[in-house]
Amino acid sequence: MEHTGSVYIIRNTINNKYGYNMSIGGNATYVKKTIDNSKVIELFNSGIPAYKIAKILHVGTPRITDVLKKLNIKYGIALQRFSEEKRDAICNLYLQGYGTMDICRKFNTDKGTVRKILTTKGIKLRLKQETNKLRRKLLASEKMSHENPAPTDNR
């Protein structure tokens, strides 16, 4: 019989009125718990994080992450990592005067990630007031460029 899922052991208690505390006494049996890899992939691809999948399937989070690792599926922080080009783009936008929240919206990430990228690149973070001043200048220059488009040659 071919087995497509991962096998894990769950400890179940039988005739133990005190629950899982085996130090009190009671019989314990081991039951093999199989995890269907396709179910894990289906849940993960639907956007459910590994720890929630673990709760749904009644196993520990490491069981789910082991399945994802075996199948070479990126999860957690590895899934959120930015390429070097995106990191450079984030730094360039910040140096042009955009605020961290503007960059967060553009790259669909959170403020902490943007701040971490900037600090690891050695860029000193601005105060909110400085960012607001730069944003006003940036918006004014964008408004000017939209009001006064470059002349076109209509010969």
C-alpha atoms as a PDB file:
ATOM      1  CA  MET A   1       0.000   0.000   0.000  1.00  0.00           C
ATOM      2  CA  GLU A   2       1.465   3.327  -1.039  1.00  0.00           C
ATOM      3  CA  HIS A   3       1.386   6.017   1.612  1.00  0.00           C
ATOM      4  CA  THR A   4       1.125   9.657   0.501  1.00  0.00           C
ATOM      5  CA  GLY A   5       0.919  11.336   3.887  1.00  0.00           C
ATOM      6  CA  SER A   6       3.358  11.818   6.728  1.00  0.00           C
ATOM      7  CA  VAL A   7       2.939   9.585   9.768  1.00  0.00           C
ATOM      8  CA  TYR A   8       3.063  10.995  13.270  1.00  0.00           C
ATOM      9  CA  ILE A   9       2.266   9.499  16.635  1.00  0.00           C
ATOM     10  CA  ILE A  10      -0.333  11.014  18.923  1.00  0.00           C
ATOM     11  CA  ARG A  11      -0.576   9.925  22.506  1.00  0.00           C
ATOM     12  CA  ASN A  12      -4.116   8.993  23.510  1.00  0.00           C
ATOM     13  CA  THR A  13      -5.185   8.011  26.996  1.00  0.00           C
ATOM     14  CA  ILE A  14      -7.561   5.168  27.718  1.00  0.00           C
ATOM     15  CA  ASN A  15      -9.341   4.738  31.026  1.00  0.00           C
ATOM     16  CA  ASN A  16      -7.465   7.632  32.568  1.00  0.00           C
ATOM     17  CA  LYS A  17      -9.815   9.796  34.560  1.00  0.00           C
ATOM     18  CA  TYR A  18      -7.027  12.342  35.196  1.00  0.00           C
ATOM     19  CA  GLY A  19      -6.342  13.246  31.546  1.00  0.00           C
ATOM     20  CA  TYR A  20      -2.896  13.414  29.968  1.00  0.00           C
ATOM     21  CA  ASN A  21      -0.836  13.525  33.161  1.00  0.00           C
ATOM     22  CA  MET A  22       0.767  10.103  33.015  1.00  0.00           C
ATOM     23  CA  SER A  23       2.587  10.655  36.304  1.00  0.00           C
ATOM     24  CA  ILE A  24      -0.743  10.053  38.053  1.00  0.00           C
ATOM     25  CA  GLY A  25      -1.157   6.733  36.290  1.00  0.00           C
ATOM     26  CA  GLY A  26      -3.267   5.171  33.606  1.00  0.00           C
ATOM     27  CA  ASN A  27      -2.926   3.275  30.396  1.00  0.00           C
ATOM     28  CA  ALA A  28      -1.619   4.974  27.280  1.00  0.00           C
ATOM     29  CA  THR A  29      -1.685   3.757  23.721  1.00  0.00           C
ATOM     30  CA  TYR A  30       0.007   5.169  20.664  1.00  0.00           C
ATOM     31  CA  VAL A  31      -2.050   5.792  17.575  1.00  0.00           C
ATOM     32  CA  LYS A  32      -0.439   6.616  14.253  1.00  0.00           C
ATOM     33  CA  LYS A  33      -1.795   9.902  12.909  1.00  0.00           C
ATOM     34  CA  THR A  34      -1.400  10.351   9.167  1.00  0.00           C
ATOM     35  CA  ILE A  35      -1.333  13.783   7.617  1.00  0.00           C
ATOM     36  CA  ASP A  36      -2.452  14.018   4.033  1.00  0.00           C
ATOM     37  CA  ASN A  37       0.188  16.085   2.208  1.00  0.00           C
ATOM     38  CA  SER A  38      -2.321  17.204  -0.416  1.00  0.00           C
ATOM     39  CA  LYS A  39      -4.623  18.547   2.324  1.00  0.00           C
ATOM     40  CA  VAL A  40      -1.719  20.478   3.879  1.00  0.00           C
ATOM     41  CA  ILE A  41      -0.808  21.980   0.486  1.00  0.00           C
ATOM     42  CA  GLU A  42      -4.438  22.818  -0.271  1.00  0.00           C
ATOM     43  CA  LEU A  43      -4.878  24.626   3.054  1.00  0.00           C
ATOM     44  CA  PHE A  44      -1.529  26.407   2.758  1.00  0.00           C
ATOM     45  CA  ASN A  45      -2.238  27.589  -0.802  1.00  0.00           C
ATOM     46  CA  SER A  46      -5.599  28.946   0.334  1.00  0.00           C
ATOM     47  CA  GLY A  47      -3.687  31.359   2.588  1.00  0.00           C
ATOM     48  CA  ILE A  48      -3.916  29.608   5.946  1.00  0.00           C
ATOM     49  CA  PRO A  49      -0.683  29.842   7.988  1.00  0.00           C
ATOM     50  CA  ALA A  50       1.092  26.697   9.185  1.00  0.00           C
ATOM     51  CA  TYR A  51       0.107  27.100  12.839  1.00  0.00           C
ATOM     52  CA  LYS A  52      -3.594  27.268  11.921  1.00  0.00           C
ATOM     53  CA  ILE A  53      -3.277  24.240   9.645  1.00  0.00           C
ATOM     54  CA  ALA A  54      -1.744  22.404  12.598  1.00  0.00           C
ATOM     55  CA  LYS A  55      -4.780  23.256  14.728  1.00  0.00           C
ATOM     56  CA  ILE A  56      -7.175  22.171  11.988  1.00  0.00           C
ATOM     57  CA  LEU A  57      -5.417  18.806  11.563  1.00  0.00           C
ATOM     58  CA  HIS A  58      -4.830  18.367  15.331  1.00  0.00           C
ATOM     59  CA  VAL A  59      -1.048  18.135  15.131  1.00  0.00           C
ATOM     60  CA  GLY A  60       1.842  20.357  16.163  1.00  0.00           C
ATOM     61  CA  THR A  61       3.122  23.177  13.978  1.00  0.00           C
ATOM     62  CA  PRO A  62       6.487  21.431  13.411  1.00  0.00           C
ATOM     63  CA  ARG A  63       4.611  18.560  11.770  1.00  0.00           C
ATOM     64  CA  ILE A  64       3.157  20.921   9.186  1.00  0.00           C
ATOM     65  CA  THR A  65       6.400  22.810   8.608  1.00  0.00           C
ATOM     66  CA  ASP A  66       8.214  19.480   8.140  1.00  0.00           C
ATOM     67  CA  VAL A  67       5.782  18.583   5.356  1.00  0.00           C
ATOM     68  CA  LEU A  68       6.271  22.003   3.728  1.00  0.00           C
ATOM     69  CA  LYS A  69      10.073  21.662   3.980  1.00  0.00           C
ATOM     70  CA  LYS A  70      10.036  18.201   2.416  1.00  0.00           C
ATOM     71  CA  LEU A  71       8.027  19.568  -0.499  1.00  0.00           C
ATOM     72  CA  ASN A  72      10.346  22.611  -0.849  1.00  0.00           C
ATOM     73  CA  ILE A  73       7.530  25.078  -0.189  1.00  0.00           C
ATOM     74  CA  LYS A  74       8.583  28.410   1.266  1.00  0.00           C
ATOM     75  CA  TYR A  75       6.673  29.459   4.365  1.00  0.00           C
ATOM     76  CA  GLY A  76       6.896  32.025   7.151  1.00  0.00           C
ATOM     77  CA  ILE A  77       9.758  34.512   6.922  1.00  0.00           C
ATOM     78  CA  ALA A  78      11.226  32.841   3.831  1.00  0.00           C
ATOM     79  CA  LEU A  79       7.958  33.573   2.036  1.00  0.00           C
ATOM     80  CA  GLN A  80       8.123  37.249   3.033  1.00  0.00           C
ATOM     81  CA  ARG A  81      11.718  37.886   1.984  1.00  0.00           C
ATOM     82  CA  PHE A  82      12.347  40.603  -0.576  1.00  0.00           C
ATOM     83  CA  SER A  83      14.743  40.282  -3.471  1.00  0.00           C
ATOM     84  CA  GLU A  84      17.761  42.573  -3.550  1.00  0.00           C
ATOM     85  CA  GLU A  85      16.145  44.621  -6.347  1.00  0.00           C
ATOM     86  CA  LYS A  86      13.048  45.260  -4.215  1.00  0.00           C
ATOM     87  CA  ARG A  87      15.214  46.181  -1.233  1.00  0.00           C
ATOM     88  CA  ASP A  88      17.078  48.695  -3.372  1.00  0.00           C
ATOM     89  CA  ALA A  89      13.783  50.078  -4.701  1.00  0.00           C
ATOM     90  CA  ILE A  90      12.529  50.524  -1.130  1.00  0.00           C
ATOM     91  CA  CYS A  91      15.710  52.400  -0.189  1.00  0.00           C
ATOM     92  CA  ASN A  92      15.539  54.597  -3.294  1.00  0.00           C
ATOM     93  CA  LEU A  93      11.912  55.538  -2.637  1.00  0.00           C
ATOM     94  CA  TYR A  94      12.744  56.416   0.962  1.00  0.00           C
ATOM     95  CA  LEU A  95      15.703  58.545  -0.115  1.00  0.00           C
ATOM     96  CA  GLN A  96      13.473  60.321  -2.660  1.00  0.00           C
ATOM     97  CA  GLY A  97      11.232  61.437   0.197  1.00  0.00           C
ATOM     98  CA  TYR A  98       8.515  58.819   0.414  1.00  0.00           C
ATOM     99  CA  GLY A  99       7.487  57.789   3.919  1.00  0.00           C
ATOM    100  CA  THR A 100       7.589  54.290   5.316  1.00  0.00           C
ATOM    101  CA  MET A 101       3.787  53.983   5.169  1.00  0.00           C
ATOM    102  CA  ASP A 102       3.744  55.030   1.496  1.00  0.00           C
ATOM    103  CA  ILE A 103       6.341  52.352   0.764  1.00  0.00           C
ATOM    104  CA  CYS A 104       4.382  49.792   2.810  1.00  0.00           C
ATOM    105  CA  ARG A 105       1.312  50.374   0.683  1.00  0.00           C
ATOM    106  CA  LYS A 106       3.301  50.152  -2.544  1.00  0.00           C
ATOM    107  CA  PHE A 107       4.987  46.847  -1.625  1.00  0.00           C
ATOM    108  CA  ASN A 108       2.070  45.433   0.389  1.00  0.00           C
ATOM    109  CA  THR A 109       4.102  44.850   3.536  1.00  0.00           C
ATOM    110  CA  ASP A 110       4.217  46.172   7.066  1.00  0.00           C
ATOM    111  CA  LYS A 111       6.086  49.134   8.508  1.00  0.00           C
ATOM    112  CA  GLY A 112       8.489  47.001  10.529  1.00  0.00           C
ATOM    113  CA  THR A 113       9.735  45.206   7.416  1.00  0.00           C
ATOM    114  CA  VAL A 114      10.429  48.491   5.609  1.00  0.00           C
ATOM    115  CA  ARG A 115      12.190  49.953   8.658  1.00  0.00           C
ATOM    116  CA  LYS A 116      14.292  46.808   9.029  1.00  0.00           C
ATOM    117  CA  ILE A 117      15.360  46.927   5.359  1.00  0.00           C
ATOM    118  CA  LEU A 118      16.298  50.598   5.668  1.00  0.00           C
ATOM    119  CA  THR A 119      18.303  50.141   8.854  1.00  0.00           C
ATOM    120  CA  THR A 120      20.164  47.089   7.527  1.00  0.00           C
ATOM    121  CA  LYS A 121      21.132  49.162   4.475  1.00  0.00           C
ATOM    122  CA  GLY A 122      22.504  51.838   6.832  1.00  0.00           C
ATOM    123  CA  ILE A 123      19.871  54.471   6.077  1.00  0.00           C
ATOM    124  CA  LYS A 124      19.040  56.737   8.992  1.00  0.00           C
ATOM    125  CA  LEU A 125      15.313  56.892   9.604  1.00  0.00           C
ATOM    126  CA  ARG A 126      13.636  60.302   9.554  1.00  0.00           C
ATOM    127  CA  LEU A 127      11.329  61.806  12.108  1.00  0.00           C
ATOM    128  CA  LYS A 128       7.662  61.987  11.164  1.00  0.00           C
ATOM    129  CA  GLN A 129       7.844  65.780  10.817  1.00  0.00           C
ATOM    130  CA  GLU A 130      10.742  65.506   8.363  1.00  0.00           C
ATOM    131  CA  THR A 131       8.849  62.937   6.312  1.00  0.00           C
ATOM    132  CA  ASN A 132       5.783  65.184   6.219  1.00  0.00           C
ATOM    133  CA  LYS A 133       7.868  68.125   4.931  1.00  0.00           C
ATOM    134  CA  LEU A 134       9.443  65.941   2.237  1.00  0.00           C
ATOM    135  CA  ARG A 135       6.050  64.522   1.285  1.00  0.00           C
ATOM    136  CA  ARG A 136       4.617  68.022   0.812  1.00  0.00           C
ATOM    137  CA  LYS A 137       7.557  68.960  -1.425  1.00  0.00           C
ATOM    138  CA  LEU A 138       7.216  65.708  -3.345  1.00  0.00           C
ATOM    139  CA  LEU A 139       3.477  66.183  -3.869  1.00  0.00           C
ATOM    140  CA  ALA A 140       4.014  69.797  -4.945  1.00  0.00           C
ATOM    141  CA  SER A 141       6.642  68.793  -7.499  1.00  0.00           C
ATOM    142  CA  GLU A 142       4.388  66.000  -8.824  1.00  0.00           C
ATOM    143  CA  LYS A 143       1.487  68.460  -9.071  1.00  0.00           C
ATOM    144  CA  MET A 144       3.679  70.925 -10.963  1.00  0.00           C
ATOM    145  CA  SER A 145       4.807  68.255 -13.422  1.00  0.00           C
ATOM    146  CA  HIS A 146       1.163  67.288 -14.088  1.00  0.00           C
ATOM    147  CA  GLU A 147       0.037  70.913 -14.572  1.00  0.00           C
ATOM    148  CA  ASN A 148       2.955  71.830 -16.831  1.00  0.00           C
ATOM    149  CA  PRO A 149       3.547  68.814 -19.078  1.00  0.00           C
ATOM    150  CA  ALA A 150       6.632  68.742 -21.228  1.00  0.00           C
ATOM    151  CA  PRO A 151       6.128  70.610 -24.501  1.00  0.00           C
ATOM    152  CA  THR A 152       5.400  68.425 -27.526  1.00  0.00           C
ATOM    153  CA  ASP A 153       6.367  69.198 -31.084  1.00  0.00           C
ATOM    154  CA  ASN A 154       3.120  69.492 -33.080  1.00  0.00           C
ATOM    155  CA  ARG A 155       4.459  70.206 -36.563  1.00  0.00           C
END
